[in-house]
Amino acid sequence: MSAINQVLFDIGGVLGSNGWDREQRAVAVEKFALDGEDFQYRHEETVGAFESGQISLDEYLDVTVFWQPRAFSRDDFKRFMFSLSTPWADSLDVVRRLRQRTRGRPTRVRMATLNNESRELNEYRIRYFGLCELFDVFFSSCWLGVRKPTRQIYERVLGMTQADPASSVFVDDREQNLAPARALGMQTIHFRSADQLSRSLAGLGFDV
């Protein structure tokens, strides 16, 4: 029987495509014929505030895209942003099996997400991926006010859950996000595929 009582999952790159990462922004730049260099500069100036909940999606777009008149509408751009999100069925199936297996354990296992995301994209992806059926709580940078890989976001999650770091597992596709979690004593899984995730969870005592 595993001593793990909390499993935290990144969303983008683990449960589905990234929401508004480099590859999504590149596609948007091409589709809407934006100046890529100018857009990237404006994005870098605002992304910290955007993902930590200090500015809204509209405020972000005011700076990055709609600082001058465009031939397309704000709603057109938003719809395209959201359309770039794709759930990964294989990964979600692993999470679904984990959810089912842990329900029968004498000690409850909390399942949650821990990700960097702006509020509007995060809420859309939670709904579209069907994550409310799988997770108890969503620890997102837009609501916590800090982003991975800063140590503070992991400390806040551990404080809010009062979970023992050694009894917590964090799954992420980026090593730089796993290192601070390990430094706090959490167990980590570096996600590469759904099959590898299943094997790694099995190694921790979860038969998924």
N, C-alpha and C. Protein backbone atom coordinates (compact mmCIF):
# COMPACT_ATOMS: atom_id res chain seq x y z
N MET A 1 0.85 -1.19 0.00
CA MET A 1 0.00 0.00 0.00
C MET A 1 0.89 1.24 0.00
N SER A 2 0.68 2.11 -0.98
CA SER A 2 1.47 3.32 -1.09
C SER A 2 1.12 4.30 0.02
N ALA A 3 2.14 5.06 0.45
CA ALA A 3 1.90 6.09 1.45
C ALA A 3 1.44 7.39 0.80
N ILE A 4 1.37 7.41 -0.52
CA ILE A 4 0.99 8.63 -1.24
C ILE A 4 -0.47 8.97 -0.97
N ASN A 5 -0.71 10.22 -0.58
CA ASN A 5 -2.10 10.64 -0.37
C ASN A 5 -2.45 11.91 -1.15
N GLN A 6 -1.53 12.35 -2.03
CA GLN A 6 -1.82 13.51 -2.87
C GLN A 6 -1.05 13.38 -4.18
N VAL A 7 -1.77 13.48 -5.32
CA VAL A 7 -1.14 13.43 -6.63
C VAL A 7 -1.53 14.68 -7.40
N LEU A 8 -0.52 15.42 -7.84
CA LEU A 8 -0.71 16.69 -8.53
C LEU A 8 -0.26 16.54 -9.98
N PHE A 9 -1.08 17.01 -10.91
CA PHE A 9 -0.78 16.90 -12.34
C PHE A 9 -0.70 18.28 -12.98
N ASP A 10 0.34 18.48 -13.78
CA ASP A 10 0.34 19.60 -14.71
C ASP A 10 -0.74 19.32 -15.76
N ILE A 11 -1.23 20.34 -16.43
CA ILE A 11 -2.25 20.14 -17.47
C ILE A 11 -1.59 20.15 -18.86
N GLY A 12 -1.07 21.30 -19.28
CA GLY A 12 -0.46 21.41 -20.60
C GLY A 12 0.81 20.59 -20.71
N GLY A 13 0.86 19.69 -21.68
CA GLY A 13 2.03 18.83 -21.85
C GLY A 13 1.92 17.52 -21.12
N VAL A 14 0.86 17.34 -20.31
CA VAL A 14 0.63 16.09 -19.58
C VAL A 14 -0.77 15.55 -19.88
N LEU A 15 -1.78 16.38 -19.68
CA LEU A 15 -3.17 15.95 -19.90
C LEU A 15 -3.70 16.41 -21.25
N GLY A 16 -2.96 17.26 -21.91
CA GLY A 16 -3.38 17.77 -23.21
C GLY A 16 -2.33 18.71 -23.76
N SER A 17 -2.64 19.31 -24.87
CA SER A 17 -1.70 20.26 -25.47
C SER A 17 -1.52 21.46 -24.55
N ASN A 18 -0.46 22.20 -24.77
CA ASN A 18 -0.28 23.44 -24.04
C ASN A 18 -1.35 24.43 -24.46
N GLY A 19 -1.67 25.36 -23.56
CA GLY A 19 -2.73 26.30 -23.84
C GLY A 19 -2.28 27.47 -24.68
N TRP A 20 -1.20 28.14 -24.28
CA TRP A 20 -0.73 29.34 -24.99
C TRP A 20 0.78 29.41 -24.89
N ASP A 21 1.41 28.31 -25.28
CA ASP A 21 2.87 28.23 -25.23
C ASP A 21 3.44 28.64 -26.58
N ARG A 22 4.74 28.41 -26.73
CA ARG A 22 5.45 28.88 -27.92
C ARG A 22 4.81 28.39 -29.22
N GLU A 23 4.47 27.09 -29.26
CA GLU A 23 3.94 26.55 -30.51
C GLU A 23 2.56 27.12 -30.85
N GLN A 24 1.72 27.34 -29.83
CA GLN A 24 0.39 27.92 -30.08
C GLN A 24 0.51 29.38 -30.53
N ARG A 25 1.41 30.11 -29.90
CA ARG A 25 1.59 31.51 -30.28
C ARG A 25 2.12 31.63 -31.70
N ALA A 26 3.00 30.72 -32.09
CA ALA A 26 3.56 30.76 -33.45
C ALA A 26 2.46 30.53 -34.49
N VAL A 27 1.55 29.61 -34.21
CA VAL A 27 0.44 29.35 -35.13
C VAL A 27 -0.46 30.58 -35.23
N ALA A 28 -0.72 31.23 -34.11
CA ALA A 28 -1.56 32.42 -34.11
C ALA A 28 -0.89 33.57 -34.86
N VAL A 29 0.39 33.74 -34.68
CA VAL A 29 1.13 34.79 -35.38
C VAL A 29 1.01 34.61 -36.89
N GLU A 30 1.14 33.35 -37.34
CA GLU A 30 1.04 33.08 -38.77
C GLU A 30 -0.38 33.29 -39.28
N LYS A 31 -1.37 32.76 -38.56
CA LYS A 31 -2.76 32.85 -39.03
C LYS A 31 -3.23 34.29 -39.15
N PHE A 32 -2.86 35.12 -38.16
CA PHE A 32 -3.35 36.49 -38.14
C PHE A 32 -2.34 37.50 -38.68
N ALA A 33 -1.26 36.98 -39.27
CA ALA A 33 -0.24 37.83 -39.93
C ALA A 33 0.28 38.92 -39.00
N LEU A 34 0.64 38.52 -37.79
CA LEU A 34 1.21 39.46 -36.83
C LEU A 34 2.71 39.57 -37.03
N ASP A 35 3.27 40.64 -36.57
CA ASP A 35 4.73 40.80 -36.54
C ASP A 35 5.24 39.93 -35.39
N GLY A 36 5.88 38.81 -35.72
CA GLY A 36 6.28 37.85 -34.70
C GLY A 36 7.21 38.41 -33.65
N GLU A 37 8.17 39.19 -34.06
CA GLU A 37 9.14 39.75 -33.11
C GLU A 37 8.47 40.74 -32.18
N ASP A 38 7.61 41.60 -32.72
CA ASP A 38 6.90 42.57 -31.89
C ASP A 38 5.95 41.86 -30.93
N PHE A 39 5.23 40.85 -31.44
CA PHE A 39 4.30 40.13 -30.58
C PHE A 39 5.05 39.44 -29.44
N GLN A 40 6.17 38.79 -29.74
CA GLN A 40 6.92 38.08 -28.71
C GLN A 40 7.42 39.04 -27.63
N TYR A 41 7.89 40.21 -28.04
CA TYR A 41 8.34 41.20 -27.07
C TYR A 41 7.18 41.61 -26.15
N ARG A 42 6.03 41.89 -26.73
CA ARG A 42 4.87 42.31 -25.95
C ARG A 42 4.38 41.18 -25.05
N HIS A 43 4.44 39.94 -25.56
CA HIS A 43 4.06 38.78 -24.75
C HIS A 43 4.97 38.66 -23.53
N GLU A 44 6.27 38.75 -23.74
CA GLU A 44 7.21 38.61 -22.63
C GLU A 44 7.02 39.69 -21.58
N GLU A 45 6.58 40.85 -22.00
CA GLU A 45 6.34 41.95 -21.07
C GLU A 45 5.12 41.72 -20.19
N THR A 46 4.19 40.90 -20.65
CA THR A 46 2.91 40.77 -19.95
C THR A 46 2.59 39.37 -19.44
N VAL A 47 3.32 38.34 -19.90
CA VAL A 47 2.91 36.98 -19.59
C VAL A 47 2.93 36.68 -18.09
N GLY A 48 3.88 37.26 -17.36
CA GLY A 48 3.94 37.02 -15.92
C GLY A 48 2.67 37.49 -15.23
N ALA A 49 2.25 38.70 -15.55
CA ALA A 49 1.02 39.24 -14.96
C ALA A 49 -0.20 38.49 -15.46
N PHE A 50 -0.17 38.08 -16.72
CA PHE A 50 -1.29 37.35 -17.34
C PHE A 50 -1.52 36.02 -16.64
N GLU A 51 -0.47 35.24 -16.46
CA GLU A 51 -0.62 33.90 -15.88
C GLU A 51 -0.76 33.92 -14.36
N SER A 52 -0.38 35.00 -13.72
CA SER A 52 -0.54 35.06 -12.26
C SER A 52 -1.81 35.79 -11.85
N GLY A 53 -2.68 36.06 -12.83
CA GLY A 53 -3.99 36.61 -12.51
C GLY A 53 -4.04 38.10 -12.27
N GLN A 54 -2.98 38.81 -12.60
CA GLN A 54 -2.96 40.26 -12.36
C GLN A 54 -3.63 41.04 -13.47
N ILE A 55 -3.68 40.47 -14.67
CA ILE A 55 -4.40 41.11 -15.76
C ILE A 55 -5.29 40.07 -16.45
N SER A 56 -6.35 40.53 -17.07
CA SER A 56 -7.29 39.64 -17.75
C SER A 56 -6.81 39.32 -19.16
N LEU A 57 -7.51 38.42 -19.81
CA LEU A 57 -7.21 38.10 -21.20
C LEU A 57 -7.37 39.33 -22.08
N ASP A 58 -8.41 40.11 -21.85
CA ASP A 58 -8.61 41.32 -22.65
C ASP A 58 -7.46 42.31 -22.46
N GLU A 59 -6.99 42.46 -21.23
CA GLU A 59 -5.87 43.37 -20.98
C GLU A 59 -4.60 42.86 -21.66
N TYR A 60 -4.39 41.54 -21.62
CA TYR A 60 -3.25 40.94 -22.30
C TYR A 60 -3.32 41.22 -23.80
N LEU A 61 -4.49 41.03 -24.39
CA LEU A 61 -4.65 41.25 -25.82
C LEU A 61 -4.55 42.72 -26.19
N ASP A 62 -4.95 43.60 -25.28
CA ASP A 62 -4.78 45.04 -25.52
C ASP A 62 -3.31 45.38 -25.79
N VAL A 63 -2.43 44.74 -25.06
CA VAL A 63 -1.00 45.03 -25.17
C VAL A 63 -0.36 44.27 -26.33
N THR A 64 -0.71 42.99 -26.48
CA THR A 64 0.02 42.13 -27.42
C THR A 64 -0.51 42.17 -28.85
N VAL A 65 -1.81 42.36 -29.01
CA VAL A 65 -2.41 42.26 -30.35
C VAL A 65 -3.16 43.52 -30.74
N PHE A 66 -4.06 43.99 -29.88
CA PHE A 66 -4.97 45.05 -30.27
C PHE A 66 -4.51 46.43 -29.82
N TRP A 67 -3.21 46.64 -29.85
CA TRP A 67 -2.65 47.96 -29.60
C TRP A 67 -2.79 48.85 -30.84
N GLN A 68 -3.21 48.25 -31.95
CA GLN A 68 -3.52 48.98 -33.16
C GLN A 68 -4.72 48.31 -33.83
N PRO A 69 -5.42 48.99 -34.73
CA PRO A 69 -6.58 48.40 -35.40
C PRO A 69 -6.18 47.14 -36.17
N ARG A 70 -7.07 46.15 -36.15
CA ARG A 70 -6.82 44.89 -36.85
C ARG A 70 -7.97 44.57 -37.80
N ALA A 71 -7.68 43.74 -38.78
CA ALA A 71 -8.70 43.32 -39.74
C ALA A 71 -9.59 42.22 -39.18
N PHE A 72 -9.24 41.69 -38.03
CA PHE A 72 -10.01 40.64 -37.37
C PHE A 72 -10.47 41.15 -36.01
N SER A 73 -11.47 40.50 -35.46
CA SER A 73 -12.04 40.95 -34.19
C SER A 73 -11.37 40.28 -33.01
N ARG A 74 -11.58 40.86 -31.85
CA ARG A 74 -11.08 40.30 -30.61
C ARG A 74 -11.68 38.91 -30.37
N ASP A 75 -12.98 38.76 -30.66
CA ASP A 75 -13.63 37.46 -30.47
C ASP A 75 -13.05 36.41 -31.41
N ASP A 76 -12.71 36.81 -32.64
CA ASP A 76 -12.08 35.88 -33.58
C ASP A 76 -10.77 35.35 -33.00
N PHE A 77 -9.98 36.25 -32.45
CA PHE A 77 -8.68 35.85 -31.91
C PHE A 77 -8.85 34.95 -30.70
N LYS A 78 -9.79 35.29 -29.82
CA LYS A 78 -10.02 34.47 -28.63
C LYS A 78 -10.48 33.07 -29.01
N ARG A 79 -11.42 33.00 -29.95
CA ARG A 79 -11.90 31.68 -30.37
C ARG A 79 -10.76 30.83 -30.91
N PHE A 80 -9.87 31.46 -31.65
CA PHE A 80 -8.74 30.71 -32.19
C PHE A 80 -7.81 30.26 -31.06
N MET A 81 -7.55 31.11 -30.10
CA MET A 81 -6.73 30.74 -28.94
C MET A 81 -7.29 29.49 -28.28
N PHE A 82 -8.57 29.51 -28.01
CA PHE A 82 -9.20 28.38 -27.32
C PHE A 82 -9.18 27.12 -28.18
N SER A 83 -9.33 27.28 -29.50
CA SER A 83 -9.39 26.12 -30.39
C SER A 83 -8.09 25.34 -30.44
N LEU A 84 -6.99 25.94 -29.99
CA LEU A 84 -5.69 25.28 -30.03
C LEU A 84 -5.51 24.25 -28.91
N SER A 85 -6.44 24.21 -27.96
CA SER A 85 -6.37 23.27 -26.85
C SER A 85 -6.94 21.91 -27.25
N THR A 86 -6.13 20.87 -27.05
CA THR A 86 -6.55 19.51 -27.40
C THR A 86 -6.32 18.58 -26.22
N PRO A 87 -7.37 17.91 -25.71
CA PRO A 87 -7.18 16.93 -24.63
C PRO A 87 -6.50 15.68 -25.16
N TRP A 88 -5.69 15.04 -24.31
CA TRP A 88 -5.01 13.80 -24.69
C TRP A 88 -5.72 12.64 -24.01
N ALA A 89 -6.45 11.87 -24.81
CA ALA A 89 -7.30 10.81 -24.28
C ALA A 89 -6.51 9.77 -23.49
N ASP A 90 -5.32 9.40 -23.96
CA ASP A 90 -4.53 8.37 -23.27
C ASP A 90 -4.13 8.81 -21.87
N SER A 91 -3.70 10.04 -21.74
CA SER A 91 -3.32 10.55 -20.42
C SER A 91 -4.53 10.66 -19.51
N LEU A 92 -5.63 11.16 -20.04
CA LEU A 92 -6.85 11.30 -19.24
C LEU A 92 -7.38 9.94 -18.81
N ASP A 93 -7.19 8.92 -19.63
CA ASP A 93 -7.60 7.57 -19.23
C ASP A 93 -6.79 7.07 -18.05
N VAL A 94 -5.48 7.38 -18.03
CA VAL A 94 -4.65 6.99 -16.89
C VAL A 94 -5.16 7.68 -15.62
N VAL A 95 -5.46 8.96 -15.72
CA VAL A 95 -5.97 9.70 -14.56
C VAL A 95 -7.32 9.13 -14.12
N ARG A 96 -8.15 8.79 -15.08
CA ARG A 96 -9.47 8.24 -14.75
C ARG A 96 -9.34 6.90 -14.01
N ARG A 97 -8.41 6.07 -14.46
CA ARG A 97 -8.19 4.79 -13.78
C ARG A 97 -7.62 5.02 -12.38
N LEU A 98 -6.72 5.98 -12.27
CA LEU A 98 -6.16 6.30 -10.95
C LEU A 98 -7.26 6.77 -10.02
N ARG A 99 -8.14 7.59 -10.51
CA ARG A 99 -9.26 8.08 -9.71
C ARG A 99 -10.12 6.92 -9.20
N GLN A 100 -10.41 6.00 -10.10
CA GLN A 100 -11.24 4.85 -9.73
C GLN A 100 -10.55 3.95 -8.71
N ARG A 101 -9.26 3.69 -8.91
CA ARG A 101 -8.51 2.79 -8.01
C ARG A 101 -8.37 3.39 -6.62
N THR A 102 -8.16 4.70 -6.53
CA THR A 102 -7.90 5.31 -5.23
C THR A 102 -9.16 5.46 -4.39
N ARG A 103 -10.32 5.39 -5.01
CA ARG A 103 -11.57 5.54 -4.25
C ARG A 103 -11.77 4.40 -3.26
N GLY A 104 -11.19 3.24 -3.55
CA GLY A 104 -11.37 2.11 -2.66
C GLY A 104 -10.33 2.00 -1.57
N ARG A 105 -9.42 2.96 -1.48
CA ARG A 105 -8.36 2.88 -0.46
C ARG A 105 -8.84 3.40 0.88
N PRO A 106 -8.31 2.81 1.94
CA PRO A 106 -8.71 3.27 3.27
C PRO A 106 -8.31 4.71 3.53
N THR A 107 -7.16 5.14 2.97
CA THR A 107 -6.71 6.52 3.12
C THR A 107 -7.03 7.27 1.83
N ARG A 108 -7.74 8.36 1.95
CA ARG A 108 -8.14 9.13 0.78
C ARG A 108 -6.94 9.70 0.05
N VAL A 109 -6.97 9.67 -1.27
CA VAL A 109 -5.92 10.25 -2.10
C VAL A 109 -6.51 11.47 -2.80
N ARG A 110 -5.95 12.63 -2.49
CA ARG A 110 -6.40 13.85 -3.15
C ARG A 110 -5.76 13.93 -4.53
N MET A 111 -6.58 14.25 -5.54
CA MET A 111 -6.08 14.43 -6.90
C MET A 111 -6.35 15.87 -7.31
N ALA A 112 -5.30 16.54 -7.78
CA ALA A 112 -5.41 17.97 -8.10
C ALA A 112 -4.52 18.29 -9.29
N THR A 113 -4.75 19.45 -9.88
CA THR A 113 -3.86 19.95 -10.92
C THR A 113 -3.00 21.06 -10.33
N LEU A 114 -1.83 21.25 -10.92
CA LEU A 114 -0.92 22.33 -10.53
C LEU A 114 -0.29 22.85 -11.81
N ASN A 115 -0.76 24.00 -12.28
CA ASN A 115 -0.31 24.46 -13.59
C ASN A 115 -0.20 25.97 -13.67
N ASN A 116 0.55 26.42 -14.67
CA ASN A 116 0.62 27.83 -15.03
C ASN A 116 -0.40 28.09 -16.13
N GLU A 117 -1.34 28.99 -15.87
CA GLU A 117 -2.35 29.28 -16.89
C GLU A 117 -3.08 30.56 -16.53
N SER A 118 -3.47 31.30 -17.56
CA SER A 118 -4.33 32.46 -17.35
C SER A 118 -5.74 31.98 -17.00
N ARG A 119 -6.51 32.84 -16.35
CA ARG A 119 -7.82 32.41 -15.83
C ARG A 119 -8.75 31.95 -16.94
N GLU A 120 -8.89 32.74 -17.99
CA GLU A 120 -9.88 32.41 -19.02
C GLU A 120 -9.52 31.11 -19.75
N LEU A 121 -8.27 30.94 -20.09
CA LEU A 121 -7.85 29.70 -20.75
C LEU A 121 -7.97 28.51 -19.80
N ASN A 122 -7.61 28.73 -18.56
CA ASN A 122 -7.67 27.65 -17.57
C ASN A 122 -9.10 27.16 -17.39
N GLU A 123 -10.03 28.08 -17.23
CA GLU A 123 -11.42 27.70 -17.03
C GLU A 123 -11.98 26.98 -18.27
N TYR A 124 -11.61 27.46 -19.45
CA TYR A 124 -12.05 26.80 -20.68
C TYR A 124 -11.52 25.38 -20.75
N ARG A 125 -10.23 25.20 -20.46
CA ARG A 125 -9.61 23.90 -20.59
C ARG A 125 -10.13 22.93 -19.53
N ILE A 126 -10.41 23.40 -18.33
CA ILE A 126 -11.00 22.54 -17.29
C ILE A 126 -12.34 21.99 -17.77
N ARG A 127 -13.15 22.86 -18.37
CA ARG A 127 -14.45 22.42 -18.89
C ARG A 127 -14.28 21.50 -20.09
N TYR A 128 -13.49 21.92 -21.06
CA TYR A 128 -13.37 21.18 -22.31
C TYR A 128 -12.73 19.81 -22.12
N PHE A 129 -11.75 19.72 -21.22
CA PHE A 129 -11.08 18.44 -20.95
C PHE A 129 -11.88 17.56 -19.98
N GLY A 130 -12.95 18.09 -19.40
CA GLY A 130 -13.75 17.33 -18.44
C GLY A 130 -13.02 17.07 -17.13
N LEU A 131 -12.23 18.02 -16.68
CA LEU A 131 -11.36 17.78 -15.53
C LEU A 131 -12.09 17.82 -14.19
N CYS A 132 -13.26 18.42 -14.14
CA CYS A 132 -13.99 18.45 -12.87
C CYS A 132 -14.43 17.06 -12.44
N GLU A 133 -14.53 16.14 -13.37
CA GLU A 133 -14.89 14.77 -13.05
C GLU A 133 -13.72 13.98 -12.46
N LEU A 134 -12.51 14.51 -12.65
CA LEU A 134 -11.31 13.75 -12.29
C LEU A 134 -10.55 14.32 -11.10
N PHE A 135 -10.69 15.61 -10.84
CA PHE A 135 -9.85 16.27 -9.83
C PHE A 135 -10.68 16.93 -8.75
N ASP A 136 -10.11 16.96 -7.55
CA ASP A 136 -10.78 17.56 -6.40
C ASP A 136 -10.62 19.07 -6.36
N VAL A 137 -9.47 19.56 -6.85
CA VAL A 137 -9.16 20.98 -6.73
C VAL A 137 -8.16 21.34 -7.83
N PHE A 138 -8.13 22.63 -8.18
CA PHE A 138 -7.26 23.12 -9.25
C PHE A 138 -6.36 24.22 -8.70
N PHE A 139 -5.09 23.91 -8.57
CA PHE A 139 -4.10 24.88 -8.11
C PHE A 139 -3.44 25.49 -9.35
N SER A 140 -3.93 26.66 -9.73
CA SER A 140 -3.46 27.31 -10.95
C SER A 140 -2.81 28.64 -10.62
N SER A 141 -1.80 29.00 -11.39
CA SER A 141 -1.06 30.23 -11.14
C SER A 141 -1.97 31.45 -11.14
N CYS A 142 -3.03 31.42 -11.96
CA CYS A 142 -3.92 32.58 -12.03
C CYS A 142 -4.67 32.81 -10.74
N TRP A 143 -4.85 31.77 -9.92
CA TRP A 143 -5.55 31.89 -8.64
C TRP A 143 -4.59 31.95 -7.45
N LEU A 144 -3.41 31.37 -7.63
CA LEU A 144 -2.43 31.38 -6.53
C LEU A 144 -1.57 32.64 -6.55
N GLY A 145 -1.48 33.29 -7.70
CA GLY A 145 -0.71 34.52 -7.80
C GLY A 145 0.77 34.33 -7.99
N VAL A 146 1.22 33.10 -8.13
CA VAL A 146 2.63 32.78 -8.40
C VAL A 146 2.68 31.65 -9.42
N ARG A 147 3.83 31.52 -10.09
CA ARG A 147 3.96 30.56 -11.17
C ARG A 147 5.09 29.57 -10.91
N LYS A 148 4.95 28.38 -11.49
CA LYS A 148 6.08 27.46 -11.56
C LYS A 148 7.15 28.09 -12.45
N PRO A 149 8.42 27.89 -12.17
CA PRO A 149 8.97 26.98 -11.17
C PRO A 149 9.39 27.67 -9.87
N THR A 150 8.77 28.80 -9.51
CA THR A 150 9.14 29.43 -8.25
C THR A 150 8.78 28.52 -7.07
N ARG A 151 9.63 28.47 -6.10
CA ARG A 151 9.42 27.60 -4.93
C ARG A 151 8.12 27.92 -4.21
N GLN A 152 7.72 29.18 -4.29
CA GLN A 152 6.57 29.65 -3.53
C GLN A 152 5.27 28.94 -3.92
N ILE A 153 5.11 28.62 -5.20
CA ILE A 153 3.84 28.00 -5.62
C ILE A 153 3.69 26.62 -4.99
N TYR A 154 4.79 25.86 -4.88
CA TYR A 154 4.73 24.54 -4.26
C TYR A 154 4.50 24.66 -2.76
N GLU A 155 5.14 25.65 -2.14
CA GLU A 155 4.94 25.87 -0.71
C GLU A 155 3.49 26.25 -0.41
N ARG A 156 2.89 27.04 -1.29
CA ARG A 156 1.49 27.42 -1.08
C ARG A 156 0.56 26.22 -1.19
N VAL A 157 0.80 25.37 -2.17
CA VAL A 157 -0.04 24.18 -2.34
C VAL A 157 0.09 23.26 -1.12
N LEU A 158 1.32 23.05 -0.67
CA LEU A 158 1.53 22.20 0.50
C LEU A 158 0.90 22.82 1.74
N GLY A 159 0.97 24.13 1.84
CA GLY A 159 0.37 24.80 2.99
C GLY A 159 -1.15 24.74 2.95
N MET A 160 -1.72 24.94 1.79
CA MET A 160 -3.18 24.93 1.66
C MET A 160 -3.76 23.53 1.88
N THR A 161 -3.01 22.51 1.51
CA THR A 161 -3.50 21.13 1.68
C THR A 161 -3.04 20.51 2.99
N GLN A 162 -2.02 21.13 3.62
CA GLN A 162 -1.40 20.57 4.82
C GLN A 162 -0.96 19.13 4.56
N ALA A 163 -0.43 18.90 3.37
CA ALA A 163 0.03 17.58 2.98
C ALA A 163 1.52 17.42 3.29
N ASP A 164 1.90 16.21 3.66
CA ASP A 164 3.30 15.88 3.85
C ASP A 164 3.95 15.83 2.47
N PRO A 165 5.04 16.61 2.24
CA PRO A 165 5.68 16.58 0.93
C PRO A 165 6.04 15.17 0.48
N ALA A 166 6.52 14.33 1.40
CA ALA A 166 6.94 12.97 1.06
C ALA A 166 5.77 12.11 0.62
N SER A 167 4.56 12.50 0.97
CA SER A 167 3.37 11.75 0.59
C SER A 167 2.67 12.36 -0.62
N SER A 168 3.34 13.33 -1.26
CA SER A 168 2.79 14.01 -2.42
C SER A 168 3.62 13.69 -3.66
N VAL A 169 2.94 13.52 -4.79
CA VAL A 169 3.59 13.28 -6.08
C VAL A 169 3.19 14.39 -7.04
N PHE A 170 4.16 14.89 -7.77
CA PHE A 170 3.88 15.92 -8.78
C PHE A 170 4.33 15.42 -10.14
N VAL A 171 3.42 15.50 -11.12
CA VAL A 171 3.67 15.04 -12.49
C VAL A 171 3.75 16.25 -13.40
N ASP A 172 4.87 16.40 -14.11
CA ASP A 172 5.05 17.52 -15.03
C ASP A 172 5.93 17.07 -16.19
N ASP A 173 5.80 17.74 -17.33
CA ASP A 173 6.62 17.37 -18.48
C ASP A 173 7.91 18.15 -18.56
N ARG A 174 8.14 19.08 -17.64
CA ARG A 174 9.34 19.91 -17.69
C ARG A 174 10.16 19.74 -16.42
N GLU A 175 11.40 19.40 -16.61
CA GLU A 175 12.28 19.14 -15.48
C GLU A 175 12.43 20.36 -14.58
N GLN A 176 12.47 21.56 -15.18
CA GLN A 176 12.65 22.76 -14.36
C GLN A 176 11.50 22.98 -13.39
N ASN A 177 10.34 22.40 -13.69
CA ASN A 177 9.20 22.52 -12.78
C ASN A 177 9.21 21.43 -11.71
N LEU A 178 9.92 20.35 -11.97
CA LEU A 178 9.99 19.25 -11.00
C LEU A 178 11.05 19.49 -9.93
N ALA A 179 12.14 20.15 -10.31
CA ALA A 179 13.26 20.33 -9.38
C ALA A 179 12.86 21.02 -8.07
N PRO A 180 12.09 22.12 -8.09
CA PRO A 180 11.71 22.76 -6.82
C PRO A 180 10.83 21.86 -5.97
N ALA A 181 9.97 21.06 -6.61
CA ALA A 181 9.11 20.14 -5.86
C ALA A 181 9.96 19.10 -5.14
N ARG A 182 10.94 18.56 -5.83
CA ARG A 182 11.85 17.58 -5.20
C ARG A 182 12.63 18.21 -4.06
N ALA A 183 13.04 19.45 -4.24
CA ALA A 183 13.81 20.13 -3.20
C ALA A 183 13.01 20.29 -1.91
N LEU A 184 11.68 20.33 -2.04
CA LEU A 184 10.81 20.42 -0.87
C LEU A 184 10.45 19.05 -0.32
N GLY A 185 10.93 17.99 -0.95
CA GLY A 185 10.69 16.64 -0.45
C GLY A 185 9.58 15.89 -1.15
N MET A 186 9.00 16.50 -2.19
CA MET A 186 7.94 15.82 -2.93
C MET A 186 8.52 14.78 -3.88
N GLN A 187 7.74 13.75 -4.15
CA GLN A 187 8.11 12.79 -5.18
C GLN A 187 7.64 13.34 -6.53
N THR A 188 8.36 13.01 -7.60
CA THR A 188 8.03 13.59 -8.90
C THR A 188 8.05 12.52 -9.99
N ILE A 189 7.28 12.79 -11.04
CA ILE A 189 7.28 11.97 -12.24
C ILE A 189 7.48 12.91 -13.43
N HIS A 190 8.53 12.65 -14.20
CA HIS A 190 8.79 13.44 -15.40
C HIS A 190 8.00 12.80 -16.55
N PHE A 191 6.91 13.44 -16.94
CA PHE A 191 6.00 12.87 -17.93
C PHE A 191 6.62 12.85 -19.32
N ARG A 192 6.52 11.68 -19.98
CA ARG A 192 6.95 11.55 -21.37
C ARG A 192 5.86 10.93 -22.23
N SER A 193 5.06 10.05 -21.66
CA SER A 193 3.96 9.43 -22.40
C SER A 193 2.96 8.87 -21.39
N ALA A 194 1.78 8.54 -21.89
CA ALA A 194 0.76 7.97 -21.01
C ALA A 194 1.20 6.62 -20.47
N ASP A 195 1.83 5.80 -21.31
CA ASP A 195 2.30 4.49 -20.86
C ASP A 195 3.36 4.63 -19.77
N GLN A 196 4.27 5.55 -19.98
CA GLN A 196 5.33 5.78 -18.97
C GLN A 196 4.73 6.31 -17.68
N LEU A 197 3.70 7.17 -17.79
CA LEU A 197 3.03 7.68 -16.59
C LEU A 197 2.38 6.54 -15.82
N SER A 198 1.72 5.64 -16.54
CA SER A 198 1.07 4.49 -15.90
C SER A 198 2.09 3.63 -15.17
N ARG A 199 3.23 3.38 -15.80
CA ARG A 199 4.28 2.57 -15.16
C ARG A 199 4.85 3.27 -13.93
N SER A 200 5.05 4.57 -14.04
CA SER A 200 5.61 5.32 -12.91
C SER A 200 4.65 5.33 -11.72
N LEU A 201 3.35 5.47 -11.99
CA LEU A 201 2.37 5.40 -10.90
C LEU A 201 2.31 4.02 -10.29
N ALA A 202 2.45 2.99 -11.13
CA ALA A 202 2.48 1.62 -10.61
C ALA A 202 3.65 1.42 -9.68
N GLY A 203 4.77 2.06 -10.01
CA GLY A 203 5.95 1.97 -9.15
C GLY A 203 5.76 2.61 -7.79
N LEU A 204 4.76 3.49 -7.70
CA LEU A 204 4.43 4.15 -6.43
C LEU A 204 3.30 3.45 -5.69
N GLY A 205 2.84 2.32 -6.26
CA GLY A 205 1.83 1.53 -5.58
C GLY A 205 0.43 1.68 -6.14
N PHE A 206 0.28 2.38 -7.26
CA PHE A 206 -1.03 2.58 -7.87
C PHE A 206 -1.16 1.68 -9.11
N ASP A 207 -2.03 0.74 -9.06
CA ASP A 207 -2.22 -0.20 -10.16
C ASP A 207 -3.15 0.43 -11.19
N VAL A 208 -2.55 1.15 -12.16
CA VAL A 208 -3.36 1.81 -13.18
C VAL A 208 -2.97 1.31 -14.57
